[in-house]
Amino acid sequence: GGGGGGGRPAPRPRPRRARARQFSSFVVMAGKIAGPGLFDPLHAAIVKDKDDLLMPLLLDPMPTPGEFRDAIASLSPEQQRFARALRAMQLESSVFAVLVVQIKPQMEALLGLPPGALTKEIALNQQLLELFTDYQVPSDLLTFSGDASAPLADKVSAVRGHAASLMDMVKSSKERELEDERQRARYADPLRVAGRDFSDGEEEECEEAAPLCLAPPPPPTP
């Protein structure tokens, strides 16, 4: 289609799509080629459990800022950040790369497990990924540190036990935080008890329900 002004045609996006199957995960990294066989990662995104990451690579010619904004306008915020990172590297240098790394084999190596040890451990994989990505748990709290010649089942069982203990700690911590929020809410609004609001002339009921009512804290003594 044409417009006036003799402008060049808008570049066609060349999308690269990273799509994960259910219960699979990998890391998409963008970086520079720093030397022969050397990749320098600068940006990364985790794709897992049916995530779909679309990377519009606008290559030839290099788009103007306005063309680039139009090309990424419909993307999610995460995908826009990744696309901007790719564009920034294009502006800095023409030599850049996108690398895909499967998470499970790297996780097996990190945890001291042989290749393929987590292939059928779907629930354990999900727990480990959650502990690493959501809670930044140090790997040494999950790694198998026993006899290297131990049976595979024993190694996986040890890692599963570490993960279960940490998940229990996370659950307890969340429950404590929730109870703290409830306590703060009770003291902030002592007339609202057990989901009922006694602020509209129902103080008498509050007296009958005295064990449930919380009085505001006494003023500090001088």
N, C-alpha and C. Protein backbone atom coordinates (compact mmCIF):
# COMPACT_ATOMS: atom_id res chain seq x y z
N GLY A 1 0.84 -1.18 0.00
CA GLY A 1 0.00 0.00 0.00
C GLY A 1 0.87 1.22 0.00
N GLY A 2 0.39 2.28 -0.47
CA GLY A 2 1.31 3.37 -0.62
C GLY A 2 0.94 4.55 0.19
N GLY A 3 1.76 5.31 0.60
CA GLY A 3 1.56 6.60 1.22
C GLY A 3 2.49 7.54 0.54
N GLY A 4 2.29 8.81 0.72
CA GLY A 4 3.14 9.79 0.09
C GLY A 4 4.48 9.86 0.74
N GLY A 5 5.35 10.67 0.13
CA GLY A 5 6.63 10.95 0.76
C GLY A 5 7.74 10.04 0.32
N GLY A 6 7.45 8.98 -0.49
CA GLY A 6 8.54 8.14 -0.98
C GLY A 6 9.25 7.38 0.10
N GLY A 7 8.56 7.09 1.21
CA GLY A 7 9.21 6.35 2.28
C GLY A 7 9.46 4.90 1.89
N ARG A 8 10.41 4.30 2.56
CA ARG A 8 10.70 2.90 2.27
C ARG A 8 9.60 2.01 2.82
N PRO A 9 9.39 0.84 2.23
CA PRO A 9 8.36 -0.06 2.74
C PRO A 9 8.70 -0.54 4.14
N ALA A 10 7.63 -0.75 4.92
CA ALA A 10 7.85 -1.22 6.30
C ALA A 10 8.47 -2.61 6.29
N PRO A 11 9.40 -2.87 7.18
CA PRO A 11 10.03 -4.18 7.22
C PRO A 11 9.05 -5.25 7.66
N ARG A 12 9.25 -6.44 7.13
CA ARG A 12 8.39 -7.55 7.52
C ARG A 12 9.00 -8.26 8.73
N PRO A 13 8.22 -8.40 9.80
CA PRO A 13 8.75 -9.15 10.95
C PRO A 13 9.04 -10.59 10.57
N ARG A 14 10.11 -11.12 11.10
CA ARG A 14 10.41 -12.53 10.93
C ARG A 14 10.32 -13.17 12.32
N PRO A 15 9.14 -13.62 12.69
CA PRO A 15 8.96 -14.07 14.07
C PRO A 15 9.68 -15.38 14.34
N ARG A 16 10.21 -15.48 15.54
CA ARG A 16 10.73 -16.74 16.05
C ARG A 16 9.90 -17.05 17.30
N ARG A 17 9.32 -18.23 17.32
CA ARG A 17 8.40 -18.58 18.40
C ARG A 17 9.01 -19.66 19.27
N ALA A 18 8.97 -19.42 20.58
CA ALA A 18 9.39 -20.43 21.56
C ALA A 18 8.14 -20.88 22.31
N ARG A 19 7.77 -22.12 22.12
CA ARG A 19 6.55 -22.64 22.73
C ARG A 19 6.87 -23.90 23.52
N ALA A 20 6.44 -23.94 24.79
CA ALA A 20 6.72 -25.08 25.65
C ALA A 20 5.51 -25.98 25.74
N ARG A 21 5.74 -27.28 25.77
CA ARG A 21 4.66 -28.22 26.02
C ARG A 21 4.35 -28.25 27.52
N GLN A 22 3.22 -28.88 27.85
CA GLN A 22 2.87 -29.05 29.26
C GLN A 22 3.96 -29.87 29.96
N PHE A 23 4.36 -29.43 31.14
CA PHE A 23 5.38 -30.09 31.98
C PHE A 23 6.77 -30.06 31.36
N SER A 24 7.01 -29.16 30.41
CA SER A 24 8.36 -28.98 29.89
C SER A 24 8.78 -27.53 30.10
N SER A 25 10.08 -27.29 30.10
CA SER A 25 10.57 -25.94 30.37
C SER A 25 11.95 -25.76 29.77
N PHE A 26 12.24 -24.54 29.36
CA PHE A 26 13.56 -24.22 28.85
C PHE A 26 13.80 -22.72 29.00
N VAL A 27 15.04 -22.32 28.85
CA VAL A 27 15.44 -20.92 28.94
C VAL A 27 15.80 -20.43 27.55
N VAL A 28 15.23 -19.29 27.16
CA VAL A 28 15.60 -18.63 25.91
C VAL A 28 16.51 -17.46 26.26
N MET A 29 17.73 -17.50 25.76
CA MET A 29 18.70 -16.45 26.06
C MET A 29 19.06 -15.68 24.80
N ALA A 30 19.22 -14.39 24.96
CA ALA A 30 19.69 -13.54 23.87
C ALA A 30 21.02 -12.93 24.29
N GLY A 31 21.97 -12.94 23.39
CA GLY A 31 23.28 -12.41 23.74
C GLY A 31 24.13 -12.17 22.51
N LYS A 32 25.41 -11.96 22.76
CA LYS A 32 26.36 -11.65 21.69
C LYS A 32 27.30 -12.83 21.46
N ILE A 33 27.79 -12.91 20.25
CA ILE A 33 28.86 -13.85 19.95
C ILE A 33 30.17 -13.16 20.32
N ALA A 34 30.75 -13.58 21.44
CA ALA A 34 31.93 -12.90 21.96
C ALA A 34 33.23 -13.42 21.38
N GLY A 35 33.17 -14.53 20.68
CA GLY A 35 34.38 -15.11 20.10
C GLY A 35 34.05 -16.45 19.50
N PRO A 36 35.02 -17.14 18.96
CA PRO A 36 34.77 -18.46 18.38
C PRO A 36 34.20 -19.43 19.42
N GLY A 37 32.97 -19.86 19.21
CA GLY A 37 32.35 -20.80 20.13
C GLY A 37 32.00 -20.22 21.48
N LEU A 38 31.97 -18.88 21.61
CA LEU A 38 31.73 -18.24 22.90
C LEU A 38 30.47 -17.38 22.81
N PHE A 39 29.49 -17.68 23.65
CA PHE A 39 28.23 -16.96 23.68
C PHE A 39 28.15 -16.17 24.98
N ASP A 40 27.84 -14.87 24.87
CA ASP A 40 27.76 -13.99 26.04
C ASP A 40 26.29 -13.63 26.27
N PRO A 41 25.59 -14.32 27.20
CA PRO A 41 24.16 -14.05 27.40
C PRO A 41 23.94 -12.72 28.10
N LEU A 42 22.95 -11.97 27.63
CA LEU A 42 22.63 -10.66 28.20
C LEU A 42 21.19 -10.60 28.72
N HIS A 43 20.29 -11.35 28.11
CA HIS A 43 18.88 -11.34 28.51
C HIS A 43 18.35 -12.76 28.42
N ALA A 44 17.35 -13.07 29.25
CA ALA A 44 16.81 -14.42 29.24
C ALA A 44 15.36 -14.41 29.68
N ALA A 45 14.64 -15.44 29.25
CA ALA A 45 13.25 -15.63 29.67
C ALA A 45 13.01 -17.13 29.82
N ILE A 46 12.28 -17.52 30.87
CA ILE A 46 11.91 -18.92 31.07
C ILE A 46 10.58 -19.18 30.39
N VAL A 47 10.52 -20.23 29.61
CA VAL A 47 9.30 -20.64 28.92
C VAL A 47 8.94 -22.03 29.45
N LYS A 48 7.71 -22.16 29.98
CA LYS A 48 7.33 -23.44 30.60
C LYS A 48 5.82 -23.62 30.53
N ASP A 49 5.40 -24.90 30.56
CA ASP A 49 3.99 -25.27 30.72
C ASP A 49 3.07 -24.52 29.75
N LYS A 50 3.28 -24.74 28.47
CA LYS A 50 2.44 -24.17 27.41
C LYS A 50 2.60 -22.66 27.25
N ASP A 51 3.66 -22.08 27.81
CA ASP A 51 3.98 -20.68 27.50
C ASP A 51 4.28 -20.56 26.01
N ASP A 52 4.05 -19.36 25.49
CA ASP A 52 4.30 -19.10 24.07
C ASP A 52 4.99 -17.74 23.97
N LEU A 53 6.27 -17.74 23.67
CA LEU A 53 7.06 -16.52 23.58
C LEU A 53 7.32 -16.21 22.12
N LEU A 54 6.80 -15.08 21.64
CA LEU A 54 6.96 -14.67 20.25
C LEU A 54 8.03 -13.58 20.18
N MET A 55 9.04 -13.80 19.35
CA MET A 55 10.15 -12.85 19.22
C MET A 55 10.15 -12.31 17.79
N PRO A 56 9.63 -11.11 17.57
CA PRO A 56 9.64 -10.58 16.21
C PRO A 56 11.00 -9.99 15.86
N LEU A 57 11.76 -10.70 15.07
CA LEU A 57 13.08 -10.22 14.66
C LEU A 57 12.92 -9.42 13.37
N LEU A 58 13.04 -8.11 13.47
CA LEU A 58 12.92 -7.24 12.31
C LEU A 58 14.34 -7.01 11.77
N LEU A 59 14.63 -7.65 10.66
CA LEU A 59 16.02 -7.74 10.26
C LEU A 59 16.41 -6.79 9.14
N ASP A 60 15.80 -6.88 7.98
CA ASP A 60 16.29 -6.09 6.88
C ASP A 60 15.13 -5.39 6.17
N PRO A 61 15.18 -4.07 6.06
CA PRO A 61 16.16 -3.19 6.71
C PRO A 61 15.83 -2.98 8.17
N MET A 62 16.76 -2.36 8.90
CA MET A 62 16.54 -2.09 10.32
C MET A 62 15.36 -1.13 10.47
N PRO A 63 14.34 -1.46 11.27
CA PRO A 63 13.16 -0.60 11.37
C PRO A 63 13.46 0.69 12.13
N THR A 64 12.68 1.70 11.82
CA THR A 64 12.75 2.95 12.59
C THR A 64 12.12 2.71 13.96
N PRO A 65 12.35 3.61 14.93
CA PRO A 65 11.70 3.44 16.24
C PRO A 65 10.19 3.32 16.15
N GLY A 66 9.56 4.14 15.27
CA GLY A 66 8.11 4.07 15.13
C GLY A 66 7.65 2.75 14.55
N GLU A 67 8.37 2.24 13.55
CA GLU A 67 8.03 0.95 12.96
C GLU A 67 8.17 -0.17 13.98
N PHE A 68 9.21 -0.07 14.80
CA PHE A 68 9.42 -1.10 15.81
C PHE A 68 8.30 -1.07 16.85
N ARG A 69 7.90 0.13 17.30
CA ARG A 69 6.80 0.23 18.26
C ARG A 69 5.52 -0.39 17.71
N ASP A 70 5.25 -0.13 16.43
CA ASP A 70 4.05 -0.70 15.82
C ASP A 70 4.13 -2.22 15.76
N ALA A 71 5.31 -2.74 15.50
CA ALA A 71 5.47 -4.18 15.33
C ALA A 71 5.28 -4.93 16.64
N ILE A 72 5.61 -4.31 17.78
CA ILE A 72 5.52 -5.02 19.05
C ILE A 72 4.32 -4.58 19.89
N ALA A 73 3.47 -3.72 19.33
CA ALA A 73 2.37 -3.15 20.12
C ALA A 73 1.43 -4.21 20.67
N SER A 74 1.22 -5.31 19.95
CA SER A 74 0.26 -6.32 20.38
C SER A 74 0.86 -7.39 21.27
N LEU A 75 2.15 -7.31 21.59
CA LEU A 75 2.80 -8.33 22.40
C LEU A 75 2.56 -8.09 23.88
N SER A 76 2.78 -9.13 24.67
CA SER A 76 2.67 -9.00 26.12
C SER A 76 3.85 -8.18 26.64
N PRO A 77 3.75 -7.63 27.87
CA PRO A 77 4.88 -6.85 28.41
C PRO A 77 6.19 -7.63 28.44
N GLU A 78 6.12 -8.91 28.82
CA GLU A 78 7.35 -9.71 28.86
C GLU A 78 7.95 -9.86 27.47
N GLN A 79 7.10 -10.13 26.48
CA GLN A 79 7.60 -10.28 25.12
C GLN A 79 8.12 -8.96 24.57
N GLN A 80 7.48 -7.85 24.94
CA GLN A 80 7.98 -6.54 24.51
C GLN A 80 9.37 -6.27 25.07
N ARG A 81 9.57 -6.61 26.35
CA ARG A 81 10.90 -6.40 26.95
C ARG A 81 11.95 -7.21 26.21
N PHE A 82 11.61 -8.46 25.89
CA PHE A 82 12.57 -9.32 25.20
C PHE A 82 12.85 -8.77 23.80
N ALA A 83 11.82 -8.31 23.09
CA ALA A 83 12.00 -7.76 21.75
C ALA A 83 12.86 -6.50 21.80
N ARG A 84 12.64 -5.66 22.82
CA ARG A 84 13.47 -4.45 22.94
C ARG A 84 14.93 -4.81 23.20
N ALA A 85 15.14 -5.87 24.00
CA ALA A 85 16.51 -6.30 24.26
C ALA A 85 17.18 -6.76 22.97
N LEU A 86 16.44 -7.50 22.14
CA LEU A 86 17.00 -7.93 20.86
C LEU A 86 17.33 -6.74 19.97
N ARG A 87 16.43 -5.75 19.94
CA ARG A 87 16.67 -4.57 19.11
C ARG A 87 17.90 -3.81 19.59
N ALA A 88 18.02 -3.70 20.92
CA ALA A 88 19.19 -2.99 21.46
C ALA A 88 20.48 -3.66 21.03
N MET A 89 20.49 -5.00 21.03
CA MET A 89 21.70 -5.71 20.59
C MET A 89 21.92 -5.55 19.09
N GLN A 90 20.83 -5.49 18.32
CA GLN A 90 20.98 -5.23 16.88
C GLN A 90 21.60 -3.86 16.62
N LEU A 91 21.20 -2.88 17.42
CA LEU A 91 21.74 -1.53 17.24
C LEU A 91 23.21 -1.47 17.63
N GLU A 92 23.59 -2.27 18.63
CA GLU A 92 24.99 -2.25 19.08
C GLU A 92 25.91 -3.02 18.14
N SER A 93 25.40 -4.12 17.63
CA SER A 93 26.26 -4.98 16.82
C SER A 93 25.39 -5.87 15.96
N SER A 94 25.89 -6.25 14.83
CA SER A 94 25.14 -7.14 13.94
C SER A 94 25.34 -8.60 14.31
N VAL A 95 26.22 -8.90 15.24
CA VAL A 95 26.52 -10.27 15.61
C VAL A 95 25.87 -10.57 16.96
N PHE A 96 24.70 -11.15 16.92
CA PHE A 96 24.05 -11.57 18.15
C PHE A 96 23.38 -12.91 17.91
N ALA A 97 22.96 -13.57 18.97
CA ALA A 97 22.42 -14.92 18.84
C ALA A 97 21.32 -15.15 19.87
N VAL A 98 20.46 -16.10 19.57
CA VAL A 98 19.43 -16.56 20.49
C VAL A 98 19.71 -18.03 20.78
N LEU A 99 19.81 -18.36 22.06
CA LEU A 99 20.17 -19.72 22.47
C LEU A 99 19.06 -20.30 23.33
N VAL A 100 18.69 -21.56 23.07
CA VAL A 100 17.67 -22.25 23.85
C VAL A 100 18.34 -23.37 24.65
N VAL A 101 18.10 -23.37 25.96
CA VAL A 101 18.71 -24.36 26.85
C VAL A 101 17.60 -25.09 27.59
N GLN A 102 17.55 -26.42 27.46
CA GLN A 102 16.59 -27.22 28.21
C GLN A 102 16.92 -27.17 29.70
N ILE A 103 15.91 -27.00 30.53
CA ILE A 103 16.16 -26.83 31.97
C ILE A 103 16.42 -28.16 32.66
N LYS A 104 15.66 -29.20 32.33
CA LYS A 104 15.76 -30.45 33.08
C LYS A 104 17.16 -31.06 33.08
N PRO A 105 17.85 -31.18 31.93
CA PRO A 105 19.20 -31.74 31.98
C PRO A 105 20.16 -30.90 32.83
N GLN A 106 20.01 -29.57 32.77
CA GLN A 106 20.87 -28.72 33.58
C GLN A 106 20.56 -28.88 35.07
N MET A 107 19.27 -29.06 35.38
CA MET A 107 18.88 -29.24 36.77
C MET A 107 19.42 -30.57 37.32
N GLU A 108 19.39 -31.61 36.49
CA GLU A 108 19.94 -32.91 36.91
C GLU A 108 21.42 -32.78 37.23
N ALA A 109 22.17 -32.12 36.37
CA ALA A 109 23.60 -31.94 36.61
C ALA A 109 23.85 -31.11 37.87
N LEU A 110 23.03 -30.07 38.06
CA LEU A 110 23.19 -29.19 39.22
C LEU A 110 22.93 -29.94 40.52
N LEU A 111 21.98 -30.87 40.51
CA LEU A 111 21.57 -31.56 41.73
C LEU A 111 22.34 -32.86 41.97
N GLY A 112 23.33 -33.14 41.13
CA GLY A 112 24.12 -34.35 41.33
C GLY A 112 23.40 -35.61 40.91
N LEU A 113 22.48 -35.49 39.96
CA LEU A 113 21.73 -36.64 39.47
C LEU A 113 22.21 -37.02 38.08
N PRO A 114 22.17 -38.30 37.73
CA PRO A 114 22.60 -38.71 36.39
C PRO A 114 21.60 -38.25 35.33
N PRO A 115 22.03 -38.17 34.07
CA PRO A 115 21.12 -37.74 32.99
C PRO A 115 19.88 -38.64 32.92
N GLY A 116 18.74 -38.01 32.77
CA GLY A 116 17.49 -38.75 32.66
C GLY A 116 16.84 -39.08 33.98
N ALA A 117 17.47 -38.72 35.09
CA ALA A 117 16.93 -39.10 36.40
C ALA A 117 15.57 -38.46 36.68
N LEU A 118 15.32 -37.27 36.12
CA LEU A 118 14.07 -36.56 36.40
C LEU A 118 13.05 -36.69 35.27
N THR A 119 13.32 -37.58 34.31
CA THR A 119 12.46 -37.67 33.13
C THR A 119 11.01 -37.97 33.50
N LYS A 120 10.79 -38.91 34.41
CA LYS A 120 9.43 -39.29 34.78
C LYS A 120 8.97 -38.65 36.08
N GLU A 121 9.78 -37.77 36.63
CA GLU A 121 9.45 -37.14 37.92
C GLU A 121 8.78 -35.79 37.66
N ILE A 122 7.54 -35.82 37.17
CA ILE A 122 6.86 -34.58 36.77
C ILE A 122 6.61 -33.67 37.96
N ALA A 123 6.04 -34.23 39.04
CA ALA A 123 5.73 -33.41 40.22
C ALA A 123 7.00 -32.84 40.83
N LEU A 124 8.04 -33.65 40.91
CA LEU A 124 9.31 -33.18 41.48
C LEU A 124 9.91 -32.09 40.61
N ASN A 125 9.83 -32.25 39.29
CA ASN A 125 10.31 -31.20 38.39
C ASN A 125 9.61 -29.87 38.65
N GLN A 126 8.29 -29.93 38.81
CA GLN A 126 7.53 -28.71 39.06
C GLN A 126 7.93 -28.06 40.38
N GLN A 127 8.11 -28.88 41.41
CA GLN A 127 8.53 -28.35 42.71
C GLN A 127 9.90 -27.70 42.63
N LEU A 128 10.83 -28.37 41.98
CA LEU A 128 12.20 -27.83 41.88
C LEU A 128 12.21 -26.51 41.12
N LEU A 129 11.47 -26.47 40.01
CA LEU A 129 11.44 -25.24 39.22
C LEU A 129 10.82 -24.10 40.02
N GLU A 130 9.77 -24.41 40.79
CA GLU A 130 9.15 -23.37 41.62
C GLU A 130 10.11 -22.88 42.70
N LEU A 131 10.83 -23.80 43.33
CA LEU A 131 11.77 -23.40 44.39
C LEU A 131 12.90 -22.55 43.82
N PHE A 132 13.39 -22.90 42.63
CA PHE A 132 14.49 -22.15 42.04
C PHE A 132 14.04 -20.80 41.50
N THR A 133 12.91 -20.75 40.79
CA THR A 133 12.52 -19.52 40.10
C THR A 133 11.70 -18.58 40.98
N ASP A 134 10.81 -19.13 41.80
CA ASP A 134 9.94 -18.27 42.60
C ASP A 134 10.56 -17.88 43.94
N TYR A 135 11.37 -18.76 44.52
CA TYR A 135 11.90 -18.51 45.86
C TYR A 135 13.41 -18.42 45.91
N GLN A 136 14.10 -18.58 44.76
CA GLN A 136 15.56 -18.46 44.68
C GLN A 136 16.27 -19.29 45.76
N VAL A 137 15.82 -20.52 45.94
CA VAL A 137 16.43 -21.41 46.92
C VAL A 137 17.82 -21.82 46.44
N PRO A 138 18.84 -21.73 47.28
CA PRO A 138 20.19 -22.16 46.87
C PRO A 138 20.20 -23.64 46.50
N SER A 139 20.92 -23.98 45.46
CA SER A 139 20.91 -25.36 44.98
C SER A 139 21.50 -26.34 45.98
N ASP A 140 22.42 -25.87 46.85
CA ASP A 140 23.03 -26.81 47.79
C ASP A 140 22.04 -27.34 48.83
N LEU A 141 20.88 -26.70 48.97
CA LEU A 141 19.85 -27.21 49.87
C LEU A 141 19.04 -28.33 49.23
N LEU A 142 19.23 -28.55 47.95
CA LEU A 142 18.46 -29.57 47.24
C LEU A 142 19.34 -30.67 46.63
N THR A 143 20.63 -30.42 46.57
CA THR A 143 21.54 -31.32 45.88
C THR A 143 21.73 -32.64 46.63
N PHE A 144 21.83 -33.74 45.89
CA PHE A 144 22.19 -35.02 46.48
C PHE A 144 23.68 -35.00 46.79
N SER A 145 24.01 -35.22 48.04
CA SER A 145 25.41 -35.12 48.47
C SER A 145 25.91 -36.43 49.06
N GLY A 146 25.22 -37.53 48.80
CA GLY A 146 25.64 -38.82 49.35
C GLY A 146 26.63 -39.53 48.46
N ASP A 147 26.67 -40.85 48.61
CA ASP A 147 27.60 -41.70 47.87
C ASP A 147 27.25 -41.65 46.38
N ALA A 148 28.25 -41.32 45.57
CA ALA A 148 28.01 -41.21 44.13
C ALA A 148 27.60 -42.53 43.51
N SER A 149 27.94 -43.65 44.16
CA SER A 149 27.58 -44.96 43.62
C SER A 149 26.23 -45.46 44.11
N ALA A 150 25.50 -44.62 44.85
CA ALA A 150 24.18 -45.01 45.37
C ALA A 150 23.23 -45.28 44.21
N PRO A 151 22.23 -46.14 44.41
CA PRO A 151 21.24 -46.40 43.35
C PRO A 151 20.51 -45.13 42.94
N LEU A 152 20.07 -45.10 41.71
CA LEU A 152 19.37 -43.93 41.19
C LEU A 152 18.14 -43.59 42.03
N ALA A 153 17.39 -44.60 42.43
CA ALA A 153 16.17 -44.36 43.22
C ALA A 153 16.51 -43.65 44.52
N ASP A 154 17.63 -44.00 45.14
CA ASP A 154 18.02 -43.36 46.40
C ASP A 154 18.39 -41.90 46.17
N LYS A 155 19.06 -41.62 45.07
CA LYS A 155 19.45 -40.24 44.79
C LYS A 155 18.20 -39.37 44.55
N VAL A 156 17.29 -39.88 43.75
CA VAL A 156 16.07 -39.12 43.47
C VAL A 156 15.25 -38.96 44.74
N SER A 157 15.18 -40.00 45.55
CA SER A 157 14.43 -39.93 46.80
C SER A 157 15.00 -38.87 47.73
N ALA A 158 16.33 -38.76 47.77
CA ALA A 158 16.96 -37.75 48.63
C ALA A 158 16.60 -36.35 48.16
N VAL A 159 16.68 -36.12 46.85
CA VAL A 159 16.33 -34.80 46.32
C VAL A 159 14.84 -34.51 46.56
N ARG A 160 14.00 -35.54 46.40
CA ARG A 160 12.57 -35.35 46.65
C ARG A 160 12.32 -34.98 48.11
N GLY A 161 13.04 -35.60 49.02
CA GLY A 161 12.89 -35.26 50.44
C GLY A 161 13.30 -33.84 50.74
N HIS A 162 14.43 -33.39 50.13
CA HIS A 162 14.87 -32.00 50.32
C HIS A 162 13.79 -31.04 49.80
N ALA A 163 13.26 -31.34 48.62
CA ALA A 163 12.25 -30.46 48.01
C ALA A 163 10.99 -30.41 48.87
N ALA A 164 10.55 -31.57 49.38
CA ALA A 164 9.34 -31.61 50.20
C ALA A 164 9.52 -30.79 51.48
N SER A 165 10.70 -30.91 52.10
CA SER A 165 10.96 -30.14 53.32
C SER A 165 10.91 -28.64 53.06
N LEU A 166 11.51 -28.21 51.95
CA LEU A 166 11.53 -26.79 51.63
C LEU A 166 10.13 -26.30 51.25
N MET A 167 9.37 -27.11 50.55
CA MET A 167 7.99 -26.71 50.21
C MET A 167 7.15 -26.57 51.48
N ASP A 168 7.38 -27.47 52.46
CA ASP A 168 6.67 -27.35 53.75
C ASP A 168 7.04 -26.04 54.44
N MET A 169 8.33 -25.67 54.39
CA MET A 169 8.76 -24.42 54.99
C MET A 169 8.11 -23.23 54.30
N VAL A 170 8.04 -23.28 52.98
CA VAL A 170 7.40 -22.20 52.22
C VAL A 170 5.92 -22.09 52.60
N LYS A 171 5.25 -23.24 52.69
CA LYS A 171 3.83 -23.25 53.05
C LYS A 171 3.62 -22.66 54.44
N SER A 172 4.46 -23.07 55.41
CA SER A 172 4.33 -22.55 56.77
C SER A 172 4.58 -21.04 56.80
N SER A 173 5.56 -20.59 56.03
CA SER A 173 5.85 -19.16 55.99
C SER A 173 4.68 -18.39 55.42
N LYS A 174 4.05 -18.92 54.37
CA LYS A 174 2.87 -18.25 53.79
C LYS A 174 1.73 -18.19 54.79
N GLU A 175 1.53 -19.30 55.54
CA GLU A 175 0.45 -19.33 56.52
C GLU A 175 0.70 -18.31 57.64
N ARG A 176 1.97 -18.19 58.06
CA ARG A 176 2.28 -17.19 59.10
C ARG A 176 2.03 -15.78 58.58
N GLU A 177 2.43 -15.52 57.33
CA GLU A 177 2.20 -14.20 56.75
C GLU A 177 0.71 -13.89 56.67
N LEU A 178 -0.08 -14.91 56.29
CA LEU A 178 -1.53 -14.71 56.19
C LEU A 178 -2.13 -14.44 57.56
N GLU A 179 -1.67 -15.16 58.58
CA GLU A 179 -2.19 -14.93 59.93
C GLU A 179 -1.79 -13.55 60.44
N ASP A 180 -0.57 -13.12 60.13
CA ASP A 180 -0.14 -11.77 60.52
C ASP A 180 -1.03 -10.71 59.86
N GLU A 181 -1.39 -10.93 58.59
CA GLU A 181 -2.28 -9.99 57.90
C GLU A 181 -3.65 -9.96 58.58
N ARG A 182 -4.13 -11.13 58.98
CA ARG A 182 -5.42 -11.18 59.67
C ARG A 182 -5.37 -10.43 60.98
N GLN A 183 -4.30 -10.61 61.73
CA GLN A 183 -4.16 -9.93 63.02
C GLN A 183 -4.13 -8.42 62.82
N ARG A 184 -3.38 -7.97 61.81
CA ARG A 184 -3.31 -6.54 61.56
C ARG A 184 -4.68 -6.00 61.17
N ALA A 185 -5.42 -6.78 60.37
CA ALA A 185 -6.75 -6.34 59.97
C ALA A 185 -7.69 -6.26 61.17
N ARG A 186 -7.57 -7.20 62.12
CA ARG A 186 -8.43 -7.19 63.31
C ARG A 186 -8.16 -5.96 64.16
N TYR A 187 -6.91 -5.64 64.36
CA TYR A 187 -6.59 -4.47 65.19
C TYR A 187 -6.90 -3.16 64.46
N ALA A 188 -6.80 -3.18 63.14
CA ALA A 188 -7.12 -1.96 62.39
C ALA A 188 -8.62 -1.69 62.38
N ASP A 189 -9.45 -2.74 62.46
CA ASP A 189 -10.91 -2.59 62.42
C ASP A 189 -11.52 -3.54 63.44
N PRO A 190 -11.43 -3.23 64.74
CA PRO A 190 -11.86 -4.18 65.78
C PRO A 190 -13.35 -4.46 65.77
N LEU A 191 -14.19 -3.61 65.12
CA LEU A 191 -15.63 -3.86 65.11
C LEU A 191 -16.05 -4.82 64.00
N ARG A 192 -15.12 -5.17 63.12
CA ARG A 192 -15.44 -6.13 62.08
C ARG A 192 -14.92 -7.48 62.52
N VAL A 193 -15.81 -8.38 62.93
CA VAL A 193 -15.41 -9.64 63.54
C VAL A 193 -16.01 -10.78 62.74
N ALA A 194 -15.18 -11.74 62.44
CA ALA A 194 -15.64 -12.96 61.76
C ALA A 194 -16.48 -12.64 60.53
N GLY A 195 -16.07 -11.63 59.79
CA GLY A 195 -16.76 -11.30 58.55
C GLY A 195 -18.00 -10.45 58.73
N ARG A 196 -18.34 -10.01 60.00
CA ARG A 196 -19.51 -9.17 60.23
C ARG A 196 -19.07 -7.79 60.67
N ASP A 197 -19.83 -6.80 60.28
CA ASP A 197 -19.51 -5.41 60.58
C ASP A 197 -20.44 -4.92 61.68
N PHE A 198 -19.88 -4.59 62.87
CA PHE A 198 -20.66 -4.13 64.02
C PHE A 198 -20.60 -2.62 64.17
N SER A 199 -20.22 -1.94 63.10
CA SER A 199 -20.04 -0.50 63.20
C SER A 199 -21.34 0.27 63.01
N ASP A 200 -22.45 -0.40 62.70
CA ASP A 200 -23.71 0.28 62.44
C ASP A 200 -24.73 0.02 63.54
N GLY A 201 -24.40 0.34 64.78
CA GLY A 201 -25.35 0.23 65.87
C GLY A 201 -25.54 -1.16 66.40
N GLU A 202 -24.60 -2.06 66.22
CA GLU A 202 -24.74 -3.42 66.72
C GLU A 202 -23.71 -3.71 67.80
N GLU A 203 -23.34 -2.68 68.57
CA GLU A 203 -22.33 -2.87 69.59
C GLU A 203 -22.78 -3.86 70.64
N GLU A 204 -24.14 -3.94 70.88
CA GLU A 204 -24.62 -4.87 71.90
C GLU A 204 -24.29 -6.30 71.53
N GLU A 205 -24.43 -6.64 70.23
CA GLU A 205 -24.08 -7.99 69.81
C GLU A 205 -22.62 -8.25 70.04
N CYS A 206 -21.83 -7.23 69.85
CA CYS A 206 -20.39 -7.40 70.04
C CYS A 206 -20.09 -7.75 71.49
N GLU A 207 -20.87 -7.16 72.43
CA GLU A 207 -20.64 -7.49 73.82
C GLU A 207 -20.98 -8.94 74.09
N GLU A 208 -22.08 -9.44 73.47
CA GLU A 208 -22.43 -10.83 73.66
C GLU A 208 -21.38 -11.75 73.06
N ALA A 209 -20.77 -11.30 71.99
CA ALA A 209 -19.75 -12.11 71.34
C ALA A 209 -18.36 -11.69 71.79
N ALA A 210 -18.26 -11.36 73.06
CA ALA A 210 -17.01 -10.81 73.59
C ALA A 210 -15.78 -11.63 73.27
N PRO A 211 -15.83 -12.98 73.34
CA PRO A 211 -14.61 -13.73 73.04
C PRO A 211 -14.09 -13.49 71.62
N LEU A 212 -14.99 -13.07 70.70
CA LEU A 212 -14.54 -12.85 69.33
C LEU A 212 -14.11 -11.43 69.07
N CYS A 213 -14.51 -10.50 69.98
CA CYS A 213 -14.24 -9.09 69.75
C CYS A 213 -12.86 -8.74 70.25
N LEU A 214 -12.22 -7.89 69.52
CA LEU A 214 -10.90 -7.44 69.90
C LEU A 214 -10.95 -5.95 70.18
N ALA A 215 -10.61 -5.57 71.38
CA ALA A 215 -10.57 -4.15 71.71
C ALA A 215 -9.30 -3.55 71.16
N PRO A 216 -9.33 -2.27 70.85
CA PRO A 216 -8.09 -1.65 70.38
C PRO A 216 -7.07 -1.64 71.49
N PRO A 217 -5.81 -1.66 71.16
CA PRO A 217 -4.77 -1.67 72.18
C PRO A 217 -4.84 -0.43 73.06
N PRO A 218 -4.51 -0.56 74.35
CA PRO A 218 -4.58 0.60 75.26
C PRO A 218 -3.55 1.64 74.85
N PRO A 219 -3.83 2.91 75.18
CA PRO A 219 -2.86 3.96 74.85
C PRO A 219 -1.58 3.77 75.65
N PRO A 220 -0.46 4.17 75.12
CA PRO A 220 0.79 4.01 75.86
C PRO A 220 0.81 4.86 77.12
N THR A 221 1.39 4.29 78.16
CA THR A 221 1.49 5.02 79.42
C THR A 221 2.55 6.10 79.30
N PRO A 222 2.28 7.24 79.91
CA PRO A 222 3.27 8.34 79.81
C PRO A 222 4.56 7.99 80.52
